[in-house]
Amino acid sequence: MGFQKFMFLVFVLLMIWIDSSRGYKFSVGGKDGWVLNPSESYNHWAERNRFQVNDTLFFKLKNGNDSVLVVTREKYNRCNGKKPIKTLTEGKSEYIFGRSGPHYFISSSEDHCKKGQKLVIVVLAVRPKKPSPSPASPPSASPTPSASIPAPSSKAPSPSPSDADVPSNSPNKSFVVGFTAFRTNWLLSFVVGVGVFMFCFG
């Protein structure tokens, strides 16, 4: 029984690590896939979800009929598919978010793009840990009489970089933390439940 408990603990830790490193997989368009007239507009669907670095977009394409182009904001606005950042053509294509910020997707058909087959996704920024305050430097032994004391600045302090890199339409910090905890805890709860069942009835 001791060996079974040990193996179960290893399994739980492995599953948590896989979940945190891989992220979530989102199926664009749901059952409709990447089509001209989905049941729900792609950008409305994107607004209902929260995306983080290492999450994956899954595009279900009809081979030979259409493809997905990853483009810049300017090309997204103009439905310009020339020289895209990346092209997704396979029937089951995936795109992994490697950075935070906006990502732009359009149909390879200019006509389809102008009719709404396009998508913008904003990936939430990862808030870096604040560095610990550095110790104050000791005052100088004897200041020179001629040194003038600078007047305090009347300007308000600029926002910290950790606040500036968060998109303006992202949710507040408590929601992001709660959502992230939910993403990890649902898998942990399931695995623990299976483990308890195996422990009691195995």
N, C-alpha and C. Protein backbone atom coordinates (compact mmCIF):
# COMPACT_ATOMS: atom_id res chain seq x y z
N MET A 1 0.83 -1.21 0.00
CA MET A 1 0.00 0.00 0.00
C MET A 1 0.86 1.26 0.00
N GLY A 2 2.05 1.20 0.65
CA GLY A 2 2.92 2.35 0.68
C GLY A 2 3.41 2.72 -0.72
N PHE A 3 3.73 1.71 -1.55
CA PHE A 3 4.20 1.96 -2.90
C PHE A 3 3.10 2.60 -3.74
N GLN A 4 1.85 2.17 -3.54
CA GLN A 4 0.74 2.74 -4.29
C GLN A 4 0.55 4.22 -3.95
N LYS A 5 0.68 4.57 -2.68
CA LYS A 5 0.56 5.97 -2.27
C LYS A 5 1.67 6.82 -2.91
N PHE A 6 2.88 6.27 -2.93
CA PHE A 6 3.99 7.00 -3.52
C PHE A 6 3.77 7.24 -5.02
N MET A 7 3.32 6.21 -5.74
CA MET A 7 3.07 6.35 -7.16
C MET A 7 1.94 7.34 -7.43
N PHE A 8 0.93 7.33 -6.56
CA PHE A 8 -0.17 8.26 -6.74
C PHE A 8 0.31 9.71 -6.56
N LEU A 9 1.18 9.95 -5.58
CA LEU A 9 1.72 11.28 -5.36
C LEU A 9 2.55 11.74 -6.56
N VAL A 10 3.35 10.85 -7.11
CA VAL A 10 4.14 11.18 -8.29
C VAL A 10 3.22 11.53 -9.46
N PHE A 11 2.12 10.78 -9.60
CA PHE A 11 1.17 11.03 -10.69
C PHE A 11 0.51 12.39 -10.54
N VAL A 12 0.11 12.75 -9.33
CA VAL A 12 -0.52 14.05 -9.08
C VAL A 12 0.43 15.18 -9.43
N LEU A 13 1.68 15.09 -8.96
CA LEU A 13 2.66 16.14 -9.25
C LEU A 13 2.94 16.26 -10.74
N LEU A 14 2.99 15.14 -11.43
CA LEU A 14 3.24 15.15 -12.87
C LEU A 14 2.10 15.82 -13.62
N MET A 15 0.87 15.52 -13.24
CA MET A 15 -0.29 16.10 -13.90
C MET A 15 -0.36 17.61 -13.67
N ILE A 16 -0.04 18.06 -12.47
CA ILE A 16 -0.04 19.49 -12.18
C ILE A 16 1.03 20.19 -13.00
N TRP A 17 2.20 19.58 -13.11
CA TRP A 17 3.27 20.19 -13.90
C TRP A 17 2.90 20.28 -15.37
N ILE A 18 2.30 19.23 -15.92
CA ILE A 18 1.90 19.24 -17.33
C ILE A 18 0.85 20.31 -17.56
N ASP A 19 -0.11 20.44 -16.65
CA ASP A 19 -1.19 21.42 -16.82
C ASP A 19 -0.65 22.84 -16.78
N SER A 20 0.29 23.11 -15.87
CA SER A 20 0.80 24.47 -15.72
C SER A 20 1.74 24.85 -16.85
N SER A 21 2.45 23.88 -17.46
CA SER A 21 3.41 24.20 -18.50
C SER A 21 2.78 24.25 -19.88
N ARG A 22 1.75 23.46 -20.11
CA ARG A 22 1.13 23.41 -21.43
C ARG A 22 0.04 24.46 -21.61
N GLY A 23 -0.67 24.79 -20.57
CA GLY A 23 -1.77 25.72 -20.71
C GLY A 23 -3.02 25.04 -21.23
N TYR A 24 -3.98 25.85 -21.63
CA TYR A 24 -5.26 25.36 -22.11
C TYR A 24 -5.27 25.31 -23.63
N LYS A 25 -6.16 24.47 -24.18
CA LYS A 25 -6.39 24.43 -25.62
C LYS A 25 -7.79 24.95 -25.89
N PHE A 26 -7.89 25.98 -26.74
CA PHE A 26 -9.17 26.58 -27.09
C PHE A 26 -9.51 26.25 -28.54
N SER A 27 -10.70 25.72 -28.77
CA SER A 27 -11.15 25.39 -30.12
C SER A 27 -11.87 26.61 -30.70
N VAL A 28 -11.26 27.24 -31.70
CA VAL A 28 -11.82 28.46 -32.29
C VAL A 28 -13.10 28.11 -33.06
N GLY A 29 -14.17 28.81 -32.73
CA GLY A 29 -15.44 28.57 -33.41
C GLY A 29 -16.22 27.38 -32.92
N GLY A 30 -15.70 26.69 -31.91
CA GLY A 30 -16.42 25.53 -31.37
C GLY A 30 -16.64 24.46 -32.44
N LYS A 31 -17.83 23.94 -32.52
CA LYS A 31 -18.13 22.88 -33.49
C LYS A 31 -18.11 23.40 -34.93
N ASP A 32 -18.30 24.72 -35.11
CA ASP A 32 -18.29 25.28 -36.46
C ASP A 32 -16.89 25.29 -37.06
N GLY A 33 -15.89 25.55 -36.23
CA GLY A 33 -14.53 25.66 -36.74
C GLY A 33 -14.30 27.01 -37.41
N TRP A 34 -13.30 27.04 -38.29
CA TRP A 34 -12.92 28.29 -38.98
C TRP A 34 -13.73 28.39 -40.27
N VAL A 35 -14.86 29.11 -40.21
CA VAL A 35 -15.79 29.21 -41.33
C VAL A 35 -16.16 30.68 -41.55
N LEU A 36 -16.87 30.93 -42.63
CA LEU A 36 -17.25 32.29 -42.97
C LEU A 36 -18.32 32.85 -42.04
N ASN A 37 -19.34 32.06 -41.76
CA ASN A 37 -20.46 32.53 -40.94
C ASN A 37 -20.65 31.63 -39.72
N PRO A 38 -19.83 31.79 -38.68
CA PRO A 38 -20.00 30.96 -37.48
C PRO A 38 -21.25 31.36 -36.71
N SER A 39 -21.70 30.47 -35.84
CA SER A 39 -22.89 30.77 -35.03
C SER A 39 -22.62 31.91 -34.06
N GLU A 40 -21.38 32.13 -33.68
CA GLU A 40 -20.98 33.25 -32.82
C GLU A 40 -19.75 33.90 -33.43
N SER A 41 -19.74 35.23 -33.50
CA SER A 41 -18.59 35.91 -34.08
C SER A 41 -17.32 35.57 -33.30
N TYR A 42 -16.22 35.49 -34.01
CA TYR A 42 -14.96 35.07 -33.38
C TYR A 42 -14.51 36.04 -32.30
N ASN A 43 -14.64 37.32 -32.54
CA ASN A 43 -14.19 38.28 -31.53
C ASN A 43 -15.10 38.28 -30.30
N HIS A 44 -16.39 38.02 -30.48
CA HIS A 44 -17.28 37.89 -29.32
C HIS A 44 -16.89 36.68 -28.51
N TRP A 45 -16.54 35.58 -29.18
CA TRP A 45 -16.07 34.38 -28.49
C TRP A 45 -14.79 34.67 -27.72
N ALA A 46 -13.88 35.42 -28.34
CA ALA A 46 -12.61 35.73 -27.68
C ALA A 46 -12.82 36.58 -26.44
N GLU A 47 -13.80 37.48 -26.47
CA GLU A 47 -14.06 38.34 -25.32
C GLU A 47 -14.58 37.55 -24.13
N ARG A 48 -15.20 36.40 -24.37
CA ARG A 48 -15.74 35.59 -23.28
C ARG A 48 -14.69 34.71 -22.60
N ASN A 49 -13.52 34.64 -23.19
CA ASN A 49 -12.47 33.78 -22.66
C ASN A 49 -11.28 34.61 -22.20
N ARG A 50 -10.41 33.98 -21.43
CA ARG A 50 -9.18 34.61 -20.96
C ARG A 50 -8.01 33.74 -21.41
N PHE A 51 -7.05 34.35 -22.05
CA PHE A 51 -5.94 33.62 -22.65
C PHE A 51 -4.64 34.00 -21.97
N GLN A 52 -3.78 33.00 -21.78
CA GLN A 52 -2.49 33.21 -21.13
C GLN A 52 -1.39 32.60 -21.99
N VAL A 53 -0.15 32.98 -21.68
CA VAL A 53 1.00 32.43 -22.37
C VAL A 53 1.02 30.91 -22.20
N ASN A 54 1.34 30.19 -23.27
CA ASN A 54 1.36 28.73 -23.36
C ASN A 54 0.00 28.12 -23.65
N ASP A 55 -1.06 28.93 -23.71
CA ASP A 55 -2.34 28.42 -24.18
C ASP A 55 -2.25 28.17 -25.69
N THR A 56 -3.14 27.31 -26.18
CA THR A 56 -3.12 26.92 -27.58
C THR A 56 -4.46 27.20 -28.24
N LEU A 57 -4.42 27.75 -29.46
CA LEU A 57 -5.61 27.89 -30.29
C LEU A 57 -5.66 26.72 -31.26
N PHE A 58 -6.83 26.09 -31.34
CA PHE A 58 -7.03 24.99 -32.28
C PHE A 58 -7.98 25.45 -33.37
N PHE A 59 -7.51 25.41 -34.63
CA PHE A 59 -8.31 25.80 -35.79
C PHE A 59 -8.70 24.56 -36.57
N LYS A 60 -10.01 24.33 -36.72
CA LYS A 60 -10.50 23.22 -37.53
C LYS A 60 -10.81 23.78 -38.92
N LEU A 61 -10.01 23.39 -39.90
CA LEU A 61 -10.10 23.93 -41.25
C LEU A 61 -10.61 22.87 -42.23
N LYS A 62 -11.22 23.35 -43.29
CA LYS A 62 -11.58 22.48 -44.41
C LYS A 62 -10.44 22.51 -45.41
N ASN A 63 -9.76 21.39 -45.56
CA ASN A 63 -8.56 21.34 -46.40
C ASN A 63 -8.84 21.85 -47.81
N GLY A 64 -7.99 22.77 -48.26
CA GLY A 64 -8.11 23.28 -49.61
C GLY A 64 -9.06 24.45 -49.77
N ASN A 65 -9.94 24.68 -48.79
CA ASN A 65 -10.93 25.75 -48.92
C ASN A 65 -10.47 27.05 -48.28
N ASP A 66 -9.74 26.98 -47.19
CA ASP A 66 -9.37 28.18 -46.47
C ASP A 66 -8.16 27.89 -45.60
N SER A 67 -7.54 28.95 -45.12
CA SER A 67 -6.43 28.83 -44.18
C SER A 67 -6.44 30.04 -43.27
N VAL A 68 -5.61 30.00 -42.23
CA VAL A 68 -5.53 31.07 -41.25
C VAL A 68 -4.18 31.75 -41.39
N LEU A 69 -4.20 33.07 -41.39
CA LEU A 69 -2.96 33.84 -41.47
C LEU A 69 -2.76 34.62 -40.18
N VAL A 70 -1.57 34.53 -39.61
CA VAL A 70 -1.20 35.33 -38.46
C VAL A 70 -0.53 36.59 -39.00
N VAL A 71 -1.09 37.75 -38.68
CA VAL A 71 -0.63 38.99 -39.30
C VAL A 71 -0.43 40.08 -38.24
N THR A 72 0.03 41.25 -38.70
CA THR A 72 0.17 42.41 -37.84
C THR A 72 -1.17 43.14 -37.72
N ARG A 73 -1.24 44.12 -36.83
CA ARG A 73 -2.47 44.87 -36.64
C ARG A 73 -2.86 45.62 -37.91
N GLU A 74 -1.88 46.22 -38.58
CA GLU A 74 -2.18 46.98 -39.80
C GLU A 74 -2.76 46.07 -40.88
N LYS A 75 -2.17 44.90 -41.06
CA LYS A 75 -2.68 43.98 -42.07
C LYS A 75 -4.03 43.39 -41.65
N TYR A 76 -4.23 43.25 -40.36
CA TYR A 76 -5.54 42.78 -39.87
C TYR A 76 -6.62 43.79 -40.24
N ASN A 77 -6.36 45.06 -40.00
CA ASN A 77 -7.35 46.09 -40.29
C ASN A 77 -7.66 46.20 -41.78
N ARG A 78 -6.67 45.92 -42.62
CA ARG A 78 -6.86 46.05 -44.07
C ARG A 78 -7.17 44.72 -44.75
N CYS A 79 -7.23 43.64 -43.97
CA CYS A 79 -7.42 42.29 -44.55
C CYS A 79 -6.36 42.00 -45.60
N ASN A 80 -5.14 42.36 -45.28
CA ASN A 80 -4.01 42.17 -46.18
C ASN A 80 -3.28 40.89 -45.79
N GLY A 81 -3.36 39.89 -46.65
CA GLY A 81 -2.74 38.60 -46.36
C GLY A 81 -1.37 38.40 -46.96
N LYS A 82 -0.76 39.46 -47.49
CA LYS A 82 0.56 39.32 -48.10
C LYS A 82 1.64 39.27 -47.02
N LYS A 83 2.55 38.34 -47.19
CA LYS A 83 3.69 38.15 -46.28
C LYS A 83 3.23 38.07 -44.81
N PRO A 84 2.43 37.06 -44.47
CA PRO A 84 1.98 36.92 -43.08
C PRO A 84 3.10 36.46 -42.17
N ILE A 85 2.89 36.63 -40.88
CA ILE A 85 3.86 36.14 -39.89
C ILE A 85 3.90 34.63 -39.91
N LYS A 86 2.72 34.01 -40.05
CA LYS A 86 2.63 32.55 -40.08
C LYS A 86 1.36 32.15 -40.83
N THR A 87 1.41 30.99 -41.48
CA THR A 87 0.26 30.49 -42.21
C THR A 87 -0.11 29.11 -41.68
N LEU A 88 -1.39 28.93 -41.37
CA LEU A 88 -1.91 27.65 -40.88
C LEU A 88 -2.82 27.08 -41.96
N THR A 89 -2.44 25.94 -42.55
CA THR A 89 -3.18 25.40 -43.69
C THR A 89 -3.74 24.01 -43.44
N GLU A 90 -3.23 23.29 -42.45
CA GLU A 90 -3.66 21.92 -42.24
C GLU A 90 -5.07 21.87 -41.67
N GLY A 91 -5.72 20.71 -41.83
CA GLY A 91 -7.09 20.56 -41.35
C GLY A 91 -7.24 20.77 -39.87
N LYS A 92 -6.23 20.39 -39.11
CA LYS A 92 -6.23 20.60 -37.66
C LYS A 92 -4.95 21.34 -37.30
N SER A 93 -5.04 22.66 -37.27
CA SER A 93 -3.87 23.49 -37.02
C SER A 93 -3.91 24.05 -35.61
N GLU A 94 -2.74 24.20 -35.02
CA GLU A 94 -2.63 24.74 -33.67
C GLU A 94 -1.66 25.92 -33.66
N TYR A 95 -1.96 26.87 -32.79
CA TYR A 95 -1.10 28.04 -32.61
C TYR A 95 -0.93 28.26 -31.12
N ILE A 96 0.33 28.24 -30.65
CA ILE A 96 0.63 28.39 -29.22
C ILE A 96 1.06 29.83 -28.95
N PHE A 97 0.49 30.43 -27.92
CA PHE A 97 0.85 31.80 -27.55
C PHE A 97 2.19 31.79 -26.81
N GLY A 98 3.20 32.37 -27.44
CA GLY A 98 4.52 32.43 -26.83
C GLY A 98 4.81 33.74 -26.13
N ARG A 99 3.88 34.70 -26.21
CA ARG A 99 4.07 36.00 -25.58
C ARG A 99 2.72 36.59 -25.22
N SER A 100 2.76 37.59 -24.35
CA SER A 100 1.53 38.30 -24.00
C SER A 100 1.27 39.40 -25.03
N GLY A 101 0.08 39.98 -24.96
CA GLY A 101 -0.27 41.05 -25.89
C GLY A 101 -1.24 40.58 -26.96
N PRO A 102 -1.52 41.45 -27.94
CA PRO A 102 -2.50 41.11 -28.98
C PRO A 102 -1.92 40.19 -30.06
N HIS A 103 -2.77 39.30 -30.57
CA HIS A 103 -2.44 38.41 -31.68
C HIS A 103 -3.57 38.53 -32.70
N TYR A 104 -3.21 38.64 -33.98
CA TYR A 104 -4.18 38.92 -35.03
C TYR A 104 -4.23 37.77 -36.03
N PHE A 105 -5.47 37.33 -36.35
CA PHE A 105 -5.68 36.22 -37.27
C PHE A 105 -6.72 36.63 -38.31
N ILE A 106 -6.47 36.30 -39.57
CA ILE A 106 -7.43 36.59 -40.63
C ILE A 106 -7.54 35.38 -41.55
N SER A 107 -8.62 35.35 -42.32
CA SER A 107 -8.78 34.34 -43.35
C SER A 107 -7.84 34.64 -44.51
N SER A 108 -7.37 33.59 -45.19
CA SER A 108 -6.52 33.82 -46.36
C SER A 108 -7.30 34.40 -47.53
N SER A 109 -8.63 34.30 -47.45
CA SER A 109 -9.48 34.91 -48.47
C SER A 109 -9.80 36.34 -48.06
N GLU A 110 -9.39 37.31 -48.88
CA GLU A 110 -9.64 38.72 -48.55
C GLU A 110 -11.13 38.99 -48.43
N ASP A 111 -11.93 38.38 -49.29
CA ASP A 111 -13.37 38.58 -49.25
C ASP A 111 -13.96 38.06 -47.95
N HIS A 112 -13.52 36.87 -47.52
CA HIS A 112 -14.01 36.31 -46.25
C HIS A 112 -13.59 37.17 -45.07
N CYS A 113 -12.36 37.67 -45.12
CA CYS A 113 -11.88 38.52 -44.03
C CYS A 113 -12.73 39.78 -43.90
N LYS A 114 -13.04 40.42 -45.04
CA LYS A 114 -13.84 41.64 -45.01
C LYS A 114 -15.27 41.37 -44.54
N LYS A 115 -15.71 40.12 -44.64
CA LYS A 115 -17.05 39.76 -44.18
C LYS A 115 -17.06 39.30 -42.72
N GLY A 116 -15.90 39.36 -42.06
CA GLY A 116 -15.87 39.09 -40.63
C GLY A 116 -15.11 37.87 -40.18
N GLN A 117 -14.48 37.14 -41.11
CA GLN A 117 -13.72 35.95 -40.72
C GLN A 117 -12.32 36.37 -40.30
N LYS A 118 -12.26 36.95 -39.11
CA LYS A 118 -11.00 37.46 -38.55
C LYS A 118 -11.11 37.42 -37.03
N LEU A 119 -9.99 37.47 -36.37
CA LEU A 119 -9.98 37.25 -34.92
C LEU A 119 -8.83 38.01 -34.28
N VAL A 120 -9.13 38.68 -33.15
CA VAL A 120 -8.11 39.32 -32.32
C VAL A 120 -8.16 38.69 -30.94
N ILE A 121 -7.01 38.30 -30.43
CA ILE A 121 -6.93 37.73 -29.09
C ILE A 121 -5.85 38.46 -28.31
N VAL A 122 -6.20 38.90 -27.11
CA VAL A 122 -5.25 39.57 -26.23
C VAL A 122 -4.85 38.59 -25.12
N VAL A 123 -3.58 38.24 -25.11
CA VAL A 123 -3.05 37.32 -24.11
C VAL A 123 -2.64 38.11 -22.88
N LEU A 124 -3.09 37.67 -21.72
CA LEU A 124 -2.81 38.39 -20.47
C LEU A 124 -1.32 38.43 -20.18
N ALA A 125 -0.87 39.57 -19.69
CA ALA A 125 0.54 39.73 -19.35
C ALA A 125 0.84 39.04 -18.03
N VAL A 126 2.02 38.47 -17.95
CA VAL A 126 2.47 37.85 -16.70
C VAL A 126 3.06 38.93 -15.84
N ARG A 127 2.51 39.11 -14.64
CA ARG A 127 2.99 40.16 -13.75
C ARG A 127 4.26 39.68 -13.03
N PRO A 128 5.40 40.34 -13.26
CA PRO A 128 6.64 39.91 -12.60
C PRO A 128 6.60 40.20 -11.11
N LYS A 129 7.36 39.40 -10.38
CA LYS A 129 7.46 39.62 -8.94
C LYS A 129 8.21 40.92 -8.66
N LYS A 130 7.70 41.69 -7.69
CA LYS A 130 8.35 42.94 -7.35
C LYS A 130 9.65 42.67 -6.62
N PRO A 131 10.76 43.32 -7.03
CA PRO A 131 12.05 43.09 -6.35
C PRO A 131 12.02 43.65 -4.94
N SER A 132 12.80 43.01 -4.07
CA SER A 132 12.87 43.47 -2.69
C SER A 132 13.58 44.82 -2.64
N PRO A 133 13.14 45.72 -1.74
CA PRO A 133 13.77 47.06 -1.69
C PRO A 133 15.22 46.96 -1.29
N SER A 134 16.06 47.75 -1.95
CA SER A 134 17.48 47.75 -1.65
C SER A 134 17.74 48.58 -0.38
N PRO A 135 18.74 48.22 0.40
CA PRO A 135 19.02 48.98 1.63
C PRO A 135 19.44 50.41 1.31
N ALA A 136 19.02 51.32 2.18
CA ALA A 136 19.33 52.74 1.96
C ALA A 136 20.82 52.98 2.12
N SER A 137 21.37 53.82 1.25
CA SER A 137 22.80 54.12 1.34
C SER A 137 23.05 55.05 2.52
N PRO A 138 24.16 54.89 3.23
CA PRO A 138 24.44 55.75 4.39
C PRO A 138 24.67 57.19 3.96
N PRO A 139 24.28 58.15 4.78
CA PRO A 139 24.47 59.56 4.42
C PRO A 139 25.96 59.90 4.39
N SER A 140 26.29 60.90 3.59
CA SER A 140 27.69 61.32 3.49
C SER A 140 28.12 61.98 4.80
N ALA A 141 29.43 61.90 5.07
CA ALA A 141 29.94 62.37 6.36
C ALA A 141 29.77 63.87 6.53
N SER A 142 30.18 64.64 5.56
CA SER A 142 30.10 66.10 5.71
C SER A 142 29.76 66.72 4.37
N PRO A 143 28.54 67.10 4.16
CA PRO A 143 28.17 67.73 2.90
C PRO A 143 28.82 69.10 2.76
N THR A 144 29.15 69.45 1.55
CA THR A 144 29.79 70.74 1.31
C THR A 144 28.76 71.85 1.43
N PRO A 145 29.14 72.99 1.99
CA PRO A 145 28.18 74.08 2.19
C PRO A 145 27.61 74.59 0.88
N SER A 146 28.39 74.50 -0.22
CA SER A 146 27.92 75.07 -1.47
C SER A 146 26.89 74.19 -2.17
N ALA A 147 26.73 72.93 -1.72
CA ALA A 147 25.79 72.03 -2.39
C ALA A 147 24.37 72.48 -2.12
N SER A 148 23.61 72.63 -3.16
CA SER A 148 22.21 73.07 -3.02
C SER A 148 21.31 71.86 -2.92
N ILE A 149 20.26 71.96 -2.11
CA ILE A 149 19.30 70.87 -1.93
C ILE A 149 18.27 70.97 -3.04
N PRO A 150 18.09 69.91 -3.85
CA PRO A 150 17.13 69.99 -4.95
C PRO A 150 15.71 70.06 -4.42
N ALA A 151 14.89 70.86 -5.11
CA ALA A 151 13.48 70.97 -4.72
C ALA A 151 12.75 69.70 -5.09
N PRO A 152 11.77 69.30 -4.27
CA PRO A 152 11.01 68.07 -4.59
C PRO A 152 10.24 68.25 -5.88
N SER A 153 10.19 67.18 -6.67
CA SER A 153 9.49 67.24 -7.95
C SER A 153 8.00 67.24 -7.73
N SER A 154 7.29 68.05 -8.53
CA SER A 154 5.84 68.12 -8.40
C SER A 154 5.14 67.13 -9.30
N LYS A 155 5.92 66.41 -10.13
CA LYS A 155 5.29 65.45 -11.04
C LYS A 155 4.87 64.19 -10.29
N ALA A 156 3.76 63.63 -10.73
CA ALA A 156 3.29 62.37 -10.13
C ALA A 156 4.19 61.25 -10.60
N PRO A 157 4.40 60.23 -9.76
CA PRO A 157 5.27 59.12 -10.17
C PRO A 157 4.67 58.37 -11.34
N SER A 158 5.56 57.93 -12.26
CA SER A 158 5.09 57.19 -13.42
C SER A 158 4.70 55.79 -12.99
N PRO A 159 3.76 55.15 -13.74
CA PRO A 159 3.35 53.80 -13.35
C PRO A 159 4.48 52.82 -13.49
N SER A 160 4.45 51.79 -12.67
CA SER A 160 5.50 50.79 -12.71
C SER A 160 5.35 49.96 -13.97
N PRO A 161 6.47 49.35 -14.46
CA PRO A 161 6.38 48.53 -15.67
C PRO A 161 5.41 47.39 -15.55
N SER A 162 5.26 46.84 -14.34
CA SER A 162 4.35 45.71 -14.18
C SER A 162 2.91 46.11 -14.42
N ASP A 163 2.56 47.39 -14.19
CA ASP A 163 1.21 47.84 -14.46
C ASP A 163 1.05 48.25 -15.92
N ALA A 164 2.14 48.74 -16.54
CA ALA A 164 2.04 49.26 -17.88
C ALA A 164 1.87 48.17 -18.92
N ASP A 165 2.38 46.96 -18.66
CA ASP A 165 2.31 45.94 -19.68
C ASP A 165 1.05 45.11 -19.62
N VAL A 166 0.12 45.45 -18.75
CA VAL A 166 -1.15 44.75 -18.69
C VAL A 166 -2.13 45.42 -19.62
N PRO A 167 -2.79 44.68 -20.56
CA PRO A 167 -3.74 45.31 -21.47
C PRO A 167 -4.85 46.01 -20.71
N SER A 168 -5.34 47.14 -21.28
CA SER A 168 -6.34 47.96 -20.61
C SER A 168 -7.65 47.23 -20.44
N ASN A 169 -7.95 46.26 -21.33
CA ASN A 169 -9.22 45.57 -21.21
C ASN A 169 -9.11 44.25 -20.48
N SER A 170 -7.95 44.01 -19.80
CA SER A 170 -7.82 42.78 -19.04
C SER A 170 -8.51 42.92 -17.70
N PRO A 171 -8.95 41.78 -17.10
CA PRO A 171 -9.64 41.84 -15.81
C PRO A 171 -8.69 42.23 -14.71
N ASN A 172 -9.26 42.56 -13.53
CA ASN A 172 -8.40 42.95 -12.43
C ASN A 172 -7.60 41.77 -11.90
N LYS A 173 -6.64 42.07 -11.04
CA LYS A 173 -5.69 41.05 -10.61
C LYS A 173 -6.38 39.92 -9.87
N SER A 174 -7.35 40.24 -9.03
CA SER A 174 -8.00 39.19 -8.25
C SER A 174 -8.71 38.21 -9.14
N PHE A 175 -9.31 38.69 -10.25
CA PHE A 175 -9.99 37.78 -11.15
C PHE A 175 -9.00 36.88 -11.87
N VAL A 176 -7.86 37.47 -12.30
CA VAL A 176 -6.84 36.68 -12.99
C VAL A 176 -6.30 35.59 -12.09
N VAL A 177 -6.01 35.95 -10.84
CA VAL A 177 -5.49 34.96 -9.89
C VAL A 177 -6.52 33.88 -9.64
N GLY A 178 -7.78 34.27 -9.46
CA GLY A 178 -8.82 33.28 -9.21
C GLY A 178 -9.03 32.36 -10.39
N PHE A 179 -8.98 32.93 -11.62
CA PHE A 179 -9.16 32.11 -12.80
C PHE A 179 -8.01 31.14 -12.98
N THR A 180 -6.79 31.61 -12.72
CA THR A 180 -5.63 30.73 -12.84
C THR A 180 -5.72 29.59 -11.83
N ALA A 181 -6.13 29.92 -10.61
CA ALA A 181 -6.27 28.88 -9.59
C ALA A 181 -7.33 27.87 -10.00
N PHE A 182 -8.41 28.35 -10.61
CA PHE A 182 -9.46 27.43 -11.04
C PHE A 182 -8.94 26.49 -12.11
N ARG A 183 -8.14 27.02 -13.04
CA ARG A 183 -7.61 26.19 -14.12
C ARG A 183 -6.78 25.03 -13.59
N THR A 184 -6.00 25.27 -12.54
CA THR A 184 -5.16 24.22 -11.98
C THR A 184 -5.94 23.32 -11.03
N ASN A 185 -6.83 23.93 -10.24
CA ASN A 185 -7.51 23.17 -9.20
C ASN A 185 -8.52 22.17 -9.74
N TRP A 186 -9.11 22.42 -10.91
CA TRP A 186 -10.11 21.47 -11.38
C TRP A 186 -9.46 20.12 -11.68
N LEU A 187 -8.25 20.16 -12.27
CA LEU A 187 -7.55 18.92 -12.56
C LEU A 187 -7.08 18.24 -11.28
N LEU A 188 -6.57 19.05 -10.34
CA LEU A 188 -6.11 18.48 -9.08
C LEU A 188 -7.25 17.82 -8.33
N SER A 189 -8.43 18.44 -8.31
CA SER A 189 -9.59 17.86 -7.62
C SER A 189 -9.99 16.54 -8.25
N PHE A 190 -9.95 16.49 -9.58
CA PHE A 190 -10.32 15.26 -10.27
C PHE A 190 -9.34 14.14 -9.93
N VAL A 191 -8.03 14.46 -9.99
CA VAL A 191 -7.01 13.44 -9.73
C VAL A 191 -7.09 12.96 -8.29
N VAL A 192 -7.28 13.89 -7.35
CA VAL A 192 -7.40 13.50 -5.94
C VAL A 192 -8.61 12.62 -5.73
N GLY A 193 -9.72 12.95 -6.40
CA GLY A 193 -10.92 12.12 -6.27
C GLY A 193 -10.68 10.71 -6.77
N VAL A 194 -10.00 10.59 -7.90
CA VAL A 194 -9.68 9.25 -8.42
C VAL A 194 -8.76 8.50 -7.45
N GLY A 195 -7.80 9.25 -6.88
CA GLY A 195 -6.89 8.61 -5.92
C GLY A 195 -7.59 8.11 -4.67
N VAL A 196 -8.53 8.90 -4.15
CA VAL A 196 -9.28 8.47 -2.97
C VAL A 196 -10.10 7.22 -3.28
N PHE A 197 -10.71 7.20 -4.48
CA PHE A 197 -11.49 6.04 -4.87
C PHE A 197 -10.61 4.81 -4.94
N MET A 198 -9.41 4.94 -5.55
CA MET A 198 -8.49 3.80 -5.67
C MET A 198 -8.01 3.37 -4.29
N PHE A 199 -7.78 4.33 -3.40
CA PHE A 199 -7.29 4.01 -2.07
C PHE A 199 -8.34 3.24 -1.25
N CYS A 200 -9.59 3.63 -1.41
CA CYS A 200 -10.66 3.00 -0.61
C CYS A 200 -11.12 1.67 -1.19
N PHE A 201 -11.19 1.57 -2.52
CA PHE A 201 -11.78 0.39 -3.12
C PHE A 201 -10.78 -0.44 -3.93
N GLY A 202 -9.52 0.04 -4.01
CA GLY A 202 -8.53 -0.71 -4.79
C GLY A 202 -7.96 -1.88 -4.00
